[in-house]
Amino acid sequence: RLWESGHVPMVTWQPRPRTPEERRNL
């Protein structure tokens, strides 16, 4: 939708931890 309406997306990619251990060591 963004592209077809004349916009380039800026994808802000924010990884989320799936476990408590990943939260400490993502």
PDB file of all heavy atoms in Angstrom:
ATOM      1  N   ARG A   1       0.830  -1.211   0.000  1.00  0.00           N
ATOM      2  CA  ARG A   1       0.000   0.000   0.000  1.00  0.00           C
ATOM      3  C   ARG A   1       0.863   1.259   0.000  1.00  0.00           C
ATOM      4  O   ARG A   1       0.562   2.228  -0.717  1.00  0.00           O
ATOM      5  CB  ARG A   1      -0.941  -0.002   1.212  1.00  0.00           C
ATOM      6  CG  ARG A   1      -2.080  -1.008   1.118  1.00  0.00           C
ATOM      7  CD  ARG A   1      -3.129  -0.735   2.177  1.00  0.00           C
ATOM      8  NE  ARG A   1      -2.615  -0.910   3.523  1.00  0.00           N
ATOM      9  CZ  ARG A   1      -2.594  -2.060   4.180  1.00  0.00           C
ATOM     10  NH1 ARG A   1      -3.036  -3.162   3.588  1.00  0.00           N
ATOM     11  NH2 ARG A   1      -2.126  -2.134   5.411  1.00  0.00           N
ATOM     12  N   LEU A   2       1.913   1.248   0.799  1.00  0.00           N
ATOM     13  CA  LEU A   2       2.805   2.407   0.820  1.00  0.00           C
ATOM     14  C   LEU A   2       3.436   2.622  -0.547  1.00  0.00           C
ATOM     15  O   LEU A   2       3.455   3.745  -1.065  1.00  0.00           O
ATOM     16  CB  LEU A   2       3.900   2.217   1.869  1.00  0.00           C
ATOM     17  CG  LEU A   2       3.513   2.371   3.331  1.00  0.00           C
ATOM     18  CD1 LEU A   2       4.726   2.162   4.231  1.00  0.00           C
ATOM     19  CD2 LEU A   2       2.910   3.752   3.597  1.00  0.00           C
ATOM     20  N   TRP A   3       3.965   1.553  -1.136  1.00  0.00           N
ATOM     21  CA  TRP A   3       4.634   1.694  -2.425  1.00  0.00           C
ATOM     22  C   TRP A   3       3.673   2.190  -3.497  1.00  0.00           C
ATOM     23  O   TRP A   3       3.996   3.111  -4.260  1.00  0.00           O
ATOM     24  CB  TRP A   3       5.252   0.357  -2.840  1.00  0.00           C
ATOM     25  CG  TRP A   3       5.959   0.477  -4.158  1.00  0.00           C
ATOM     26  CD1 TRP A   3       5.474   0.152  -5.392  1.00  0.00           C
ATOM     27  CD2 TRP A   3       7.251   1.031  -4.362  1.00  0.00           C
ATOM     28  NE1 TRP A   3       6.398   0.449  -6.347  1.00  0.00           N
ATOM     29  CE2 TRP A   3       7.503   0.996  -5.747  1.00  0.00           C
ATOM     30  CE3 TRP A   3       8.233   1.543  -3.509  1.00  0.00           C
ATOM     31  CZ2 TRP A   3       8.693   1.463  -6.306  1.00  0.00           C
ATOM     32  CZ3 TRP A   3       9.428   2.001  -4.069  1.00  0.00           C
ATOM     33  CH2 TRP A   3       9.634   1.964  -5.446  1.00  0.00           C
ATOM     34  N   GLU A   4       2.512   1.584  -3.568  1.00  0.00           N
ATOM     35  CA  GLU A   4       1.570   1.946  -4.630  1.00  0.00           C
ATOM     36  C   GLU A   4       1.021   3.359  -4.457  1.00  0.00           C
ATOM     37  O   GLU A   4       0.553   3.958  -5.434  1.00  0.00           O
ATOM     38  CB  GLU A   4       0.440   0.922  -4.686  1.00  0.00           C
ATOM     39  CG  GLU A   4       0.929  -0.438  -5.189  1.00  0.00           C
ATOM     40  CD  GLU A   4      -0.160  -1.491  -5.226  1.00  0.00           C
ATOM     41  OE1 GLU A   4      -1.243  -1.236  -4.648  1.00  0.00           O
ATOM     42  OE2 GLU A   4       0.079  -2.569  -5.818  1.00  0.00           O
ATOM     43  N   SER A   5       1.069   3.888  -3.249  1.00  0.00           N
ATOM     44  CA  SER A   5       0.637   5.271  -3.040  1.00  0.00           C
ATOM     45  C   SER A   5       1.792   6.253  -3.155  1.00  0.00           C
ATOM     46  O   SER A   5       1.618   7.449  -2.922  1.00  0.00           O
ATOM     47  CB  SER A   5      -0.032   5.417  -1.665  1.00  0.00           C
ATOM     48  OG  SER A   5       0.862   5.035  -0.632  1.00  0.00           O
ATOM     49  N   GLY A   6       2.980   5.755  -3.551  1.00  0.00           N
ATOM     50  CA  GLY A   6       4.101   6.643  -3.844  1.00  0.00           C
ATOM     51  C   GLY A   6       5.014   6.910  -2.676  1.00  0.00           C
ATOM     52  O   GLY A   6       5.450   8.051  -2.482  1.00  0.00           O
ATOM     53  N   HIS A   7       5.339   5.883  -1.877  1.00  0.00           N
ATOM     54  CA  HIS A   7       6.234   6.043  -0.734  1.00  0.00           C
ATOM     55  C   HIS A   7       7.235   4.900  -0.696  1.00  0.00           C
ATOM     56  O   HIS A   7       6.891   3.759  -1.003  1.00  0.00           O
ATOM     57  CB  HIS A   7       5.451   6.038   0.586  1.00  0.00           C
ATOM     58  CG  HIS A   7       4.334   7.033   0.657  1.00  0.00           C
ATOM     59  ND1 HIS A   7       3.071   6.751   0.162  1.00  0.00           N
ATOM     60  CD2 HIS A   7       4.290   8.286   1.147  1.00  0.00           C
ATOM     61  CE1 HIS A   7       2.298   7.814   0.371  1.00  0.00           C
ATOM     62  NE2 HIS A   7       3.010   8.753   0.955  1.00  0.00           N
ATOM     63  N   VAL A   8       8.458   5.217  -0.296  1.00  0.00           N
ATOM     64  CA  VAL A   8       9.449   4.186  -0.022  1.00  0.00           C
ATOM     65  C   VAL A   8       9.354   3.834   1.462  1.00  0.00           C
ATOM     66  O   VAL A   8       9.473   4.717   2.312  1.00  0.00           O
ATOM     67  CB  VAL A   8      10.876   4.661  -0.354  1.00  0.00           C
ATOM     68  CG1 VAL A   8      11.901   3.600   0.038  1.00  0.00           C
ATOM     69  CG2 VAL A   8      10.991   4.992  -1.836  1.00  0.00           C
ATOM     70  N   PRO A   9       9.143   2.570   1.810  1.00  0.00           N
ATOM     71  CA  PRO A   9       9.098   2.212   3.232  1.00  0.00           C
ATOM     72  C   PRO A   9      10.491   2.246   3.866  1.00  0.00           C
ATOM     73  O   PRO A   9      11.482   1.890   3.220  1.00  0.00           O
ATOM     74  CB  PRO A   9       8.557   0.773   3.226  1.00  0.00           C
ATOM     75  CG  PRO A   9       8.045   0.524   1.840  1.00  0.00           C
ATOM     76  CD  PRO A   9       8.831   1.421   0.939  1.00  0.00           C
ATOM     77  N   MET A  10      10.523   2.667   5.116  1.00  0.00           N
ATOM     78  CA  MET A  10      11.706   2.473   5.947  1.00  0.00           C
ATOM     79  C   MET A  10      11.324   1.462   7.020  1.00  0.00           C
ATOM     80  O   MET A  10      10.562   1.775   7.938  1.00  0.00           O
ATOM     81  CB  MET A  10      12.184   3.776   6.600  1.00  0.00           C
ATOM     82  CG  MET A  10      13.448   3.580   7.446  1.00  0.00           C
ATOM     83  SD  MET A  10      13.928   5.041   8.397  1.00  0.00           S
ATOM     84  CE  MET A  10      14.392   6.168   7.079  1.00  0.00           C
ATOM     85  N   VAL A  11      11.827   0.257   6.893  1.00  0.00           N
ATOM     86  CA  VAL A  11      11.469  -0.828   7.801  1.00  0.00           C
ATOM     87  C   VAL A  11      12.410  -0.789   9.005  1.00  0.00           C
ATOM     88  O   VAL A  11      13.598  -1.077   8.892  1.00  0.00           O
ATOM     89  CB  VAL A  11      11.563  -2.192   7.093  1.00  0.00           C
ATOM     90  CG1 VAL A  11      11.238  -3.324   8.071  1.00  0.00           C
ATOM     91  CG2 VAL A  11      10.622  -2.231   5.889  1.00  0.00           C
ATOM     92  N   THR A  12      11.867  -0.378  10.136  1.00  0.00           N
ATOM     93  CA  THR A  12      12.626  -0.355  11.380  1.00  0.00           C
ATOM     94  C   THR A  12      12.453  -1.714  12.046  1.00  0.00           C
ATOM     95  O   THR A  12      11.391  -2.019  12.598  1.00  0.00           O
ATOM     96  CB  THR A  12      12.123   0.770  12.295  1.00  0.00           C
ATOM     97  OG1 THR A  12      12.175   2.014  11.579  1.00  0.00           O
ATOM     98  CG2 THR A  12      12.968   0.876  13.550  1.00  0.00           C
ATOM     99  N   TRP A  13      13.497  -2.532  11.962  1.00  0.00           N
ATOM    100  CA  TRP A  13      13.431  -3.950  12.353  1.00  0.00           C
ATOM    101  C   TRP A  13      13.931  -4.107  13.780  1.00  0.00           C
ATOM    102  O   TRP A  13      15.110  -3.931  14.060  1.00  0.00           O
ATOM    103  CB  TRP A  13      14.253  -4.772  11.381  1.00  0.00           C
ATOM    104  CG  TRP A  13      13.995  -6.244  11.413  1.00  0.00           C
ATOM    105  CD1 TRP A  13      12.985  -6.915  10.792  1.00  0.00           C
ATOM    106  CD2 TRP A  13      14.798  -7.236  12.061  1.00  0.00           C
ATOM    107  NE1 TRP A  13      13.102  -8.273  11.028  1.00  0.00           N
ATOM    108  CE2 TRP A  13      14.205  -8.502  11.802  1.00  0.00           C
ATOM    109  CE3 TRP A  13      15.960  -7.194  12.833  1.00  0.00           C
ATOM    110  CZ2 TRP A  13      14.738  -9.683  12.281  1.00  0.00           C
ATOM    111  CZ3 TRP A  13      16.491  -8.370  13.319  1.00  0.00           C
ATOM    112  CH2 TRP A  13      15.870  -9.604  13.043  1.00  0.00           C
ATOM    113  N   GLN A  14      13.001  -4.433  14.683  1.00  0.00           N
ATOM    114  CA  GLN A  14      13.301  -4.499  16.108  1.00  0.00           C
ATOM    115  C   GLN A  14      13.113  -5.933  16.600  1.00  0.00           C
ATOM    116  O   GLN A  14      11.978  -6.352  16.842  1.00  0.00           O
ATOM    117  CB  GLN A  14      12.380  -3.547  16.875  1.00  0.00           C
ATOM    118  CG  GLN A  14      12.496  -2.107  16.391  1.00  0.00           C
ATOM    119  CD  GLN A  14      11.543  -1.176  17.113  1.00  0.00           C
ATOM    120  OE1 GLN A  14      11.941  -0.164  17.663  1.00  0.00           O
ATOM    121  NE2 GLN A  14      10.278  -1.522  17.112  1.00  0.00           N
ATOM    122  N   PRO A  15      14.190  -6.696  16.727  1.00  0.00           N
ATOM    123  CA  PRO A  15      14.044  -8.092  17.151  1.00  0.00           C
ATOM    124  C   PRO A  15      13.554  -8.175  18.593  1.00  0.00           C
ATOM    125  O   PRO A  15      13.954  -7.388  19.447  1.00  0.00           O
ATOM    126  CB  PRO A  15      15.454  -8.650  17.013  1.00  0.00           C
ATOM    127  CG  PRO A  15      16.353  -7.467  17.163  1.00  0.00           C
ATOM    128  CD  PRO A  15      15.605  -6.309  16.557  1.00  0.00           C
ATOM    129  N   ARG A  16      12.687  -9.150  18.842  1.00  0.00           N
ATOM    130  CA  ARG A  16      12.149  -9.332  20.179  1.00  0.00           C
ATOM    131  C   ARG A  16      12.600 -10.669  20.745  1.00  0.00           C
ATOM    132  O   ARG A  16      12.562 -11.696  20.048  1.00  0.00           O
ATOM    133  CB  ARG A  16      10.616  -9.277  20.144  1.00  0.00           C
ATOM    134  CG  ARG A  16      10.067  -7.910  19.792  1.00  0.00           C
ATOM    135  CD  ARG A  16      10.561  -6.851  20.743  1.00  0.00           C
ATOM    136  NE  ARG A  16      10.048  -5.526  20.404  1.00  0.00           N
ATOM    137  CZ  ARG A  16      10.582  -4.398  20.839  1.00  0.00           C
ATOM    138  NH1 ARG A  16      11.659  -4.440  21.592  1.00  0.00           N
ATOM    139  NH2 ARG A  16      10.063  -3.246  20.512  1.00  0.00           N
ATOM    140  N   PRO A  17      13.032 -10.694  21.988  1.00  0.00           N
ATOM    141  CA  PRO A  17      13.449 -11.964  22.593  1.00  0.00           C
ATOM    142  C   PRO A  17      12.266 -12.897  22.775  1.00  0.00           C
ATOM    143  O   PRO A  17      11.161 -12.474  23.129  1.00  0.00           O
ATOM    144  CB  PRO A  17      14.037 -11.539  23.941  1.00  0.00           C
ATOM    145  CG  PRO A  17      13.446 -10.197  24.224  1.00  0.00           C
ATOM    146  CD  PRO A  17      13.195  -9.552  22.899  1.00  0.00           C
ATOM    147  N   ARG A  18      12.515 -14.179  22.525  1.00  0.00           N
ATOM    148  CA  ARG A  18      11.461 -15.185  22.641  1.00  0.00           C
ATOM    149  C   ARG A  18      11.509 -15.919  23.981  1.00  0.00           C
ATOM    150  O   ARG A  18      10.569 -16.634  24.330  1.00  0.00           O
ATOM    151  CB  ARG A  18      11.595 -16.187  21.492  1.00  0.00           C
ATOM    152  CG  ARG A  18      11.434 -15.547  20.109  1.00  0.00           C
ATOM    153  CD  ARG A  18      11.959 -16.449  19.001  1.00  0.00           C
ATOM    154  NE  ARG A  18      13.418 -16.635  19.116  1.00  0.00           N
ATOM    155  CZ  ARG A  18      14.146 -17.336  18.251  1.00  0.00           C
ATOM    156  NH1 ARG A  18      13.552 -17.901  17.206  1.00  0.00           N
ATOM    157  NH2 ARG A  18      15.442 -17.464  18.412  1.00  0.00           N
ATOM    158  N   THR A  19      12.591 -15.743  24.718  1.00  0.00           N
ATOM    159  CA  THR A  19      12.756 -16.403  26.015  1.00  0.00           C
ATOM    160  C   THR A  19      13.457 -15.431  26.959  1.00  0.00           C
ATOM    161  O   THR A  19      14.094 -14.457  26.511  1.00  0.00           O
ATOM    162  CB  THR A  19      13.629 -17.671  25.888  1.00  0.00           C
ATOM    163  OG1 THR A  19      14.957 -17.276  25.519  1.00  0.00           O
ATOM    164  CG2 THR A  19      13.046 -18.631  24.866  1.00  0.00           C
ATOM    165  N   PRO A  20      13.391 -15.666  28.267  1.00  0.00           N
ATOM    166  CA  PRO A  20      14.155 -14.824  29.204  1.00  0.00           C
ATOM    167  C   PRO A  20      15.650 -14.818  28.908  1.00  0.00           C
ATOM    168  O   PRO A  20      16.314 -13.786  29.051  1.00  0.00           O
ATOM    169  CB  PRO A  20      13.838 -15.453  30.566  1.00  0.00           C
ATOM    170  CG  PRO A  20      12.508 -16.102  30.384  1.00  0.00           C
ATOM    171  CD  PRO A  20      12.502 -16.610  28.983  1.00  0.00           C
ATOM    172  N   GLU A  21      16.190 -15.952  28.494  1.00  0.00           N
ATOM    173  CA  GLU A  21      17.610 -16.021  28.166  1.00  0.00           C
ATOM    174  C   GLU A  21      17.938 -15.121  26.981  1.00  0.00           C
ATOM    175  O   GLU A  21      18.962 -14.414  26.973  1.00  0.00           O
ATOM    176  CB  GLU A  21      18.014 -17.461  27.860  1.00  0.00           C
ATOM    177  CG  GLU A  21      19.454 -17.636  27.382  1.00  0.00           C
ATOM    178  CD  GLU A  21      20.483 -17.198  28.408  1.00  0.00           C
ATOM    179  OE1 GLU A  21      20.163 -17.143  29.619  1.00  0.00           O
ATOM    180  OE2 GLU A  21      21.622 -16.898  27.995  1.00  0.00           O
ATOM    181  N   GLU A  22      17.077 -15.105  25.961  1.00  0.00           N
ATOM    182  CA  GLU A  22      17.314 -14.209  24.830  1.00  0.00           C
ATOM    183  C   GLU A  22      17.214 -12.752  25.251  1.00  0.00           C
ATOM    184  O   GLU A  22      17.931 -11.904  24.703  1.00  0.00           O
ATOM    185  CB  GLU A  22      16.325 -14.503  23.705  1.00  0.00           C
ATOM    186  CG  GLU A  22      16.673 -15.745  22.917  1.00  0.00           C
ATOM    187  CD  GLU A  22      15.830 -15.921  21.686  1.00  0.00           C
ATOM    188  OE1 GLU A  22      14.876 -15.142  21.469  1.00  0.00           O
ATOM    189  OE2 GLU A  22      16.109 -16.861  20.920  1.00  0.00           O
ATOM    190  N   ARG A  23      16.353 -12.438  26.183  1.00  0.00           N
ATOM    191  CA  ARG A  23      16.266 -11.053  26.658  1.00  0.00           C
ATOM    192  C   ARG A  23      17.596 -10.608  27.260  1.00  0.00           C
ATOM    193  O   ARG A  23      18.004  -9.458  27.097  1.00  0.00           O
ATOM    194  CB  ARG A  23      15.137 -10.903  27.674  1.00  0.00           C
ATOM    195  CG  ARG A  23      15.079  -9.517  28.333  1.00  0.00           C
ATOM    196  CD  ARG A  23      13.785  -9.292  29.069  1.00  0.00           C
ATOM    197  NE  ARG A  23      12.689  -9.103  28.140  1.00  0.00           N
ATOM    198  CZ  ARG A  23      12.404  -7.954  27.542  1.00  0.00           C
ATOM    199  NH1 ARG A  23      13.148  -6.891  27.765  1.00  0.00           N
ATOM    200  NH2 ARG A  23      11.402  -7.872  26.708  1.00  0.00           N
ATOM    201  N   ARG A  24      18.278 -11.498  27.927  1.00  0.00           N
ATOM    202  CA  ARG A  24      19.570 -11.157  28.524  1.00  0.00           C
ATOM    203  C   ARG A  24      20.698 -11.166  27.507  1.00  0.00           C
ATOM    204  O   ARG A  24      21.718 -10.496  27.713  1.00  0.00           O
ATOM    205  CB  ARG A  24      19.903 -12.142  29.662  1.00  0.00           C
ATOM    206  CG  ARG A  24      18.997 -12.021  30.879  1.00  0.00           C
ATOM    207  CD  ARG A  24      19.488 -12.896  32.021  1.00  0.00           C
ATOM    208  NE  ARG A  24      19.387 -14.325  31.701  1.00  0.00           N
ATOM    209  CZ  ARG A  24      18.322 -15.073  31.972  1.00  0.00           C
ATOM    210  NH1 ARG A  24      17.259 -14.519  32.552  1.00  0.00           N
ATOM    211  NH2 ARG A  24      18.306 -16.362  31.662  1.00  0.00           N
ATOM    212  N   ASN A  25      20.523 -11.911  26.417  1.00  0.00           N
ATOM    213  CA  ASN A  25      21.619 -12.122  25.471  1.00  0.00           C
ATOM    214  C   ASN A  25      21.133 -12.072  24.022  1.00  0.00           C
ATOM    215  O   ASN A  25      21.526 -12.910  23.204  1.00  0.00           O
ATOM    216  CB  ASN A  25      22.289 -13.485  25.731  1.00  0.00           C
ATOM    217  CG  ASN A  25      22.862 -13.599  27.118  1.00  0.00           C
ATOM    218  OD1 ASN A  25      23.889 -13.003  27.412  1.00  0.00           O
ATOM    219  ND2 ASN A  25      22.196 -14.352  27.984  1.00  0.00           N
ATOM    220  N   LEU A  26      20.309 -11.097  23.665  1.00  0.00           N
ATOM    221  CA  LEU A  26      19.705 -11.113  22.342  1.00  0.00           C
ATOM    222  C   LEU A  26      20.739 -10.941  21.232  1.00  0.00           C
ATOM    223  O   LEU A  26      20.701 -11.661  20.222  1.00  0.00           O
ATOM    224  CB  LEU A  26      18.635 -10.025  22.228  1.00  0.00           C
ATOM    225  CG  LEU A  26      17.895  -9.979  20.900  1.00  0.00           C
ATOM    226  CD1 LEU A  26      17.205 -11.300  20.605  1.00  0.00           C
ATOM    227  CD2 LEU A  26      16.884  -8.843  20.881  1.00  0.00           C
TER     228      LEU A  26
END
